[in-house]
N, C-alpha and C. Protein backbone atom coordinates (compact mmCIF):
# COMPACT_ATOMS: atom_id res chain seq x y z
N MET A 1 -4.55 -23.55 -4.63
CA MET A 1 -3.38 -22.85 -3.05
C MET A 1 -4.19 -23.00 -2.52
N SER A 2 -3.38 -23.27 -1.44
CA SER A 2 -3.99 -23.04 0.01
C SER A 2 -4.38 -21.49 0.68
N THR A 3 -5.62 -21.66 1.14
CA THR A 3 -5.97 -20.34 1.94
C THR A 3 -5.01 -19.72 2.69
N PHE A 4 -5.37 -18.40 3.71
CA PHE A 4 -4.87 -18.18 4.59
C PHE A 4 -5.69 -19.24 5.71
N ASP A 5 -6.98 -19.35 5.43
CA ASP A 5 -7.70 -19.90 6.92
C ASP A 5 -6.65 -21.41 7.12
N GLU A 6 -6.81 -21.96 6.05
CA GLU A 6 -6.42 -23.30 5.62
C GLU A 6 -5.10 -23.53 6.53
N HIS A 7 -4.22 -22.90 5.79
CA HIS A 7 -2.69 -22.79 6.15
C HIS A 7 -2.92 -22.81 8.54
N CYS A 8 -3.72 -21.50 8.72
CA CYS A 8 -3.57 -21.44 9.78
C CYS A 8 -4.66 -22.48 10.63
N ALA A 9 -5.56 -23.03 10.50
CA ALA A 9 -6.08 -23.75 10.64
C ALA A 9 -5.02 -25.45 10.75
N GLU A 10 -4.02 -25.20 9.97
CA GLU A 10 -3.02 -26.77 9.86
C GLU A 10 -2.30 -26.48 10.84
N SER A 11 -1.91 -24.61 11.32
CA SER A 11 -0.90 -24.57 12.24
C SER A 11 -1.41 -25.01 12.90
N GLN A 12 -3.09 -24.19 13.64
CA GLN A 12 -3.50 -24.44 15.12
C GLN A 12 -3.49 -26.08 15.23
N GLU A 13 -3.46 -27.26 14.36
CA GLU A 13 -3.60 -28.36 14.46
C GLU A 13 -2.44 -28.90 14.86
N THR A 14 -1.55 -28.66 14.72
CA THR A 14 0.00 -29.29 14.39
C THR A 14 0.87 -28.15 15.71
N PHE A 15 0.38 -27.08 15.78
CA PHE A 15 1.37 -26.30 16.61
C PHE A 15 0.68 -25.88 18.03
N GLY A 16 -1.02 -25.54 17.77
CA GLY A 16 -1.41 -25.32 19.11
C GLY A 16 -1.82 -23.88 18.75
N LYS A 17 -0.92 -23.45 17.77
CA LYS A 17 -1.59 -21.57 17.75
C LYS A 17 -1.43 -21.37 15.84
N ASP A 18 -2.06 -20.69 15.70
CA ASP A 18 -2.33 -20.30 14.25
C ASP A 18 -1.36 -19.53 13.41
N PHE A 19 -0.86 -19.01 13.75
CA PHE A 19 0.44 -18.36 13.70
C PHE A 19 0.13 -17.24 12.63
N SER A 20 -1.37 -17.14 12.63
CA SER A 20 -1.29 -15.81 11.39
C SER A 20 -0.70 -14.51 11.47
N GLU A 21 0.41 -13.89 12.09
CA GLU A 21 1.27 -13.11 11.58
C GLU A 21 2.43 -13.72 10.57
N VAL A 22 2.89 -14.98 10.84
CA VAL A 22 3.77 -15.83 9.83
C VAL A 22 2.75 -16.04 8.67
N HIS A 23 1.56 -16.34 8.18
CA HIS A 23 1.42 -16.82 7.37
C HIS A 23 0.38 -15.34 6.39
N HIS A 24 0.38 -14.45 6.75
CA HIS A 24 0.17 -13.17 6.01
C HIS A 24 1.65 -12.83 5.66
N TRP A 25 2.70 -12.95 6.73
CA TRP A 25 4.01 -12.14 6.03
C TRP A 25 4.42 -12.99 5.19
N LEU A 26 4.62 -14.45 4.90
CA LEU A 26 4.96 -15.31 3.87
C LEU A 26 3.91 -15.28 2.72
N ASP A 27 2.87 -14.59 2.75
CA ASP A 27 2.01 -14.11 2.17
C ASP A 27 1.46 -12.50 1.44
N GLU A 28 2.70 -11.92 1.81
CA GLU A 28 2.60 -10.05 1.69
C GLU A 28 2.40 -9.74 0.22
N PHE A 29 3.00 -10.43 -0.59
CA PHE A 29 3.14 -10.40 -1.55
C PHE A 29 1.57 -10.55 -3.07
N ALA A 30 1.24 -12.01 -2.20
CA ALA A 30 0.20 -12.24 -2.99
C ALA A 30 -0.80 -11.58 -3.88
N GLY A 31 -1.01 -11.62 -5.03
CA GLY A 31 -2.07 -10.78 -5.56
C GLY A 31 -1.75 -9.10 -5.79
N THR A 32 -0.12 -8.56 -5.55
CA THR A 32 0.03 -8.13 -5.88
C THR A 32 0.28 -7.63 -7.16
N PRO A 33 0.46 -6.05 -7.78
CA PRO A 33 0.51 -5.99 -9.44
C PRO A 33 1.53 -6.11 -9.64
N GLU A 34 2.72 -6.42 -9.23
CA GLU A 34 4.22 -7.09 -9.61
C GLU A 34 4.30 -8.31 -9.26
N TYR A 35 3.87 -8.97 -8.57
CA TYR A 35 3.84 -10.33 -8.25
C TYR A 35 2.54 -11.40 -8.70
N GLY A 36 1.59 -11.02 -8.31
CA GLY A 36 0.29 -11.94 -8.67
C GLY A 36 0.48 -12.99 -7.41
N PHE A 37 0.23 -14.28 -8.24
CA PHE A 37 0.64 -15.53 -7.80
C PHE A 37 1.75 -16.09 -7.66
N ARG A 38 2.17 -15.13 -8.38
CA ARG A 38 4.54 -15.53 -8.37
C ARG A 38 4.68 -14.46 -7.75
N HIS A 39 4.49 -14.75 -6.45
CA HIS A 39 4.13 -14.17 -4.57
C HIS A 39 5.15 -15.11 -4.11
N ARG A 40 5.34 -16.57 -4.24
CA ARG A 40 5.80 -17.31 -3.51
C ARG A 40 7.73 -17.17 -3.48
N LYS A 41 8.49 -16.54 -4.69
CA LYS A 41 9.90 -16.71 -4.89
C LYS A 41 10.31 -15.87 -3.73
N LYS A 42 9.46 -14.93 -3.34
CA LYS A 42 9.75 -13.75 -2.67
C LYS A 42 10.16 -14.48 -0.82
N ARG A 43 9.79 -15.21 -0.72
CA ARG A 43 9.78 -15.56 0.71
C ARG A 43 8.99 -17.30 1.11
N HIS A 44 9.22 -17.91 -0.02
CA HIS A 44 8.85 -19.68 0.23
C HIS A 44 10.11 -20.10 -0.19
N HIS A 45 10.90 -20.05 0.93
CA HIS A 45 12.15 -20.87 0.66
C HIS A 45 12.72 -21.01 1.98
N GLU A 46 14.20 -21.45 1.96
CA GLU A 46 14.89 -21.28 3.22
C GLU A 46 15.09 -20.11 3.86
N ALA A 47 15.71 -19.36 2.99
CA ALA A 47 15.69 -17.99 3.70
C ALA A 47 15.07 -17.19 4.16
N GLY A 48 13.69 -17.97 3.48
CA GLY A 48 12.19 -17.01 4.19
C GLY A 48 12.21 -17.45 5.52
N ILE A 49 12.52 -18.54 5.61
CA ILE A 49 12.37 -19.43 6.79
C ILE A 49 13.29 -18.97 8.06
N ARG A 50 14.08 -18.46 7.89
CA ARG A 50 15.58 -18.03 8.54
C ARG A 50 14.72 -16.41 8.90
N LEU A 51 14.39 -15.80 7.93
CA LEU A 51 13.91 -14.79 8.40
C LEU A 51 12.30 -15.11 9.55
N VAL A 52 12.02 -15.62 9.35
CA VAL A 52 10.83 -15.91 10.27
C VAL A 52 11.26 -15.98 11.58
N GLU A 53 12.25 -16.93 11.89
CA GLU A 53 13.11 -17.31 12.75
C GLU A 53 13.18 -15.91 13.61
N GLU A 54 13.57 -15.45 12.95
CA GLU A 54 14.29 -14.22 13.26
C GLU A 54 13.87 -13.86 13.69
N MET A 55 12.45 -13.09 13.14
CA MET A 55 11.34 -11.99 13.41
C MET A 55 10.15 -12.91 14.60
N PHE A 56 9.75 -13.36 14.30
CA PHE A 56 8.72 -14.53 14.86
C PHE A 56 9.48 -15.44 16.51
N GLY A 57 10.20 -16.08 15.90
CA GLY A 57 11.09 -17.34 16.75
C GLY A 57 10.91 -18.67 16.02
N GLU A 58 11.61 -19.88 16.69
CA GLU A 58 11.75 -21.35 16.37
C GLU A 58 10.36 -21.44 15.96
N ALA A 59 9.22 -21.68 16.51
CA ALA A 59 8.11 -22.05 16.86
C ALA A 59 7.41 -21.94 15.44
N ALA A 60 7.21 -20.28 15.39
CA ALA A 60 6.95 -19.61 13.76
C ALA A 60 7.66 -19.89 12.78
N ALA A 61 9.02 -20.29 13.06
CA ALA A 61 9.81 -21.22 11.45
C ALA A 61 9.36 -22.51 11.33
N MET A 62 8.86 -23.39 12.11
CA MET A 62 8.08 -24.39 12.10
C MET A 62 7.01 -24.35 11.40
N ALA A 63 6.06 -23.45 11.56
CA ALA A 63 5.08 -23.15 11.05
C ALA A 63 5.12 -23.25 9.51
N ALA A 64 6.37 -21.91 9.31
CA ALA A 64 6.57 -21.03 7.97
C ALA A 64 7.09 -22.78 7.28
N ARG A 65 7.84 -23.27 7.96
CA ARG A 65 8.29 -24.60 6.96
C ARG A 65 6.97 -25.35 6.49
N GLN A 66 5.85 -25.59 7.16
CA GLN A 66 4.59 -26.44 6.81
C GLN A 66 3.81 -25.45 6.17
N HIS A 67 4.10 -23.97 6.07
CA HIS A 67 3.26 -23.54 5.05
C HIS A 67 3.66 -23.33 3.69
N ILE A 68 5.06 -23.44 3.48
CA ILE A 68 5.78 -23.64 2.10
C ILE A 68 5.73 -25.00 1.62
N ILE A 69 5.76 -26.17 2.72
CA ILE A 69 5.65 -27.42 2.34
C ILE A 69 4.39 -27.84 1.54
N ALA A 70 2.83 -27.30 2.33
CA ALA A 70 2.25 -27.32 1.50
C ALA A 70 1.74 -26.65 -0.34
N ASP A 71 2.11 -25.35 -0.24
CA ASP A 71 2.26 -24.88 -0.85
C ASP A 71 3.29 -25.34 -2.36
N LEU A 72 4.20 -25.32 -1.56
CA LEU A 72 5.21 -26.67 -2.97
C LEU A 72 4.67 -27.82 -3.33
N LYS A 73 4.15 -28.20 -2.42
CA LYS A 73 3.31 -29.88 -2.69
C LYS A 73 2.24 -29.43 -4.03
N GLN A 74 1.46 -28.03 -3.91
CA GLN A 74 0.73 -27.37 -4.67
C GLN A 74 1.22 -27.51 -6.08
N GLU A 75 2.52 -27.49 -6.17
CA GLU A 75 3.71 -27.12 -7.47
C GLU A 75 3.70 -28.33 -8.28
N GLY A 76 3.59 -29.66 -7.35
CA GLY A 76 4.34 -30.86 -7.92
C GLY A 76 5.10 -30.99 -7.12
N TRP A 77 5.71 -30.11 -6.08
CA TRP A 77 6.99 -30.63 -5.21
C TRP A 77 6.81 -32.19 -4.41
N THR A 78 7.87 -32.55 -4.52
CA THR A 78 7.74 -33.61 -3.32
C THR A 78 8.80 -33.73 -2.65
N GLU A 79 8.60 -34.56 -1.16
CA GLU A 79 9.56 -34.41 -0.02
C GLU A 79 11.06 -34.93 -0.59
N LYS A 80 11.24 -35.51 -1.76
CA LYS A 80 12.32 -36.25 -2.03
C LYS A 80 13.00 -34.63 -3.01
N ASP A 81 12.24 -33.88 -3.28
CA ASP A 81 13.26 -33.19 -4.10
C ASP A 81 13.69 -31.76 -3.68
N HIS A 82 14.03 -31.42 -3.95
CA HIS A 82 15.45 -30.35 -3.50
C HIS A 82 14.69 -29.17 -2.62
N PHE A 83 14.65 -28.36 -1.56
CA PHE A 83 13.90 -27.46 -0.87
C PHE A 83 14.59 -26.16 -1.86
N PRO A 84 14.11 -25.40 -1.97
CA PRO A 84 14.67 -23.95 -2.61
C PRO A 84 15.11 -23.08 -1.22
N GLN A 85 16.37 -22.63 -1.59
CA GLN A 85 17.18 -22.10 -0.65
C GLN A 85 16.84 -20.62 -0.31
N ASP A 86 17.02 -20.16 -1.39
CA ASP A 86 16.08 -18.69 -1.85
C ASP A 86 15.54 -18.30 -2.75
N GLU A 87 15.70 -17.41 -3.59
CA GLU A 87 14.46 -16.53 -4.31
C GLU A 87 15.29 -17.51 -5.78
N THR A 88 16.78 -16.74 -5.78
CA THR A 88 17.29 -17.41 -7.00
C THR A 88 17.27 -19.09 -7.26
N ASP A 89 17.20 -19.66 -6.44
CA ASP A 89 17.47 -20.90 -6.16
C ASP A 89 15.84 -21.36 -6.47
N TYR A 90 14.61 -20.62 -5.81
CA TYR A 90 13.29 -21.10 -6.44
C TYR A 90 12.92 -20.51 -7.78
N VAL A 91 13.53 -19.54 -8.34
CA VAL A 91 13.32 -19.72 -9.85
C VAL A 91 13.80 -20.74 -10.37
N ARG A 92 15.45 -20.93 -10.50
CA ARG A 92 15.98 -21.77 -10.93
C ARG A 92 14.97 -23.30 -10.67
N MET A 93 14.51 -23.82 -10.04
CA MET A 93 13.87 -24.83 -10.01
C MET A 93 12.46 -24.98 -10.90
N GLY A 94 12.29 -23.67 -11.30
CA GLY A 94 10.82 -23.44 -11.73
C GLY A 94 9.99 -22.98 -11.58
N LEU A 95 9.89 -22.91 -9.97
CA LEU A 95 8.60 -22.48 -9.15
C LEU A 95 8.23 -21.22 -8.77
N PHE A 96 7.99 -20.03 -9.82
CA PHE A 96 7.75 -19.08 -9.75
C PHE A 96 6.85 -18.83 -8.76
C-alpha cells in the first residue's frame, strides 16, 4: 500500500503541491474497525473524485485520481481495466 507520505510526494512532484488534505480525506476510513484495509471502496472511485473536486477543486481531483490509480495498481488493476465508478462498482470488480 502506498503510504500517506508517498502519495503526498507523488503529488508534489507531479502537481507542485502535496494535496495532503485530499490524501487524508481519501484514506479517512483506513484502519478503522469497520473497514480496516478495505476502506478503498468508500472513496477510491470516480464518485469519490467528483466529491474531491466539489470540496477541494479541479487540481485536487487530479491528485485524487493519481492517488486512486496508484492504489488500484497495487491491487493488480491496469489502465486497460474498467475504472470503478462508485462503491458498488468497486466491490463488484472484486476490489474491496
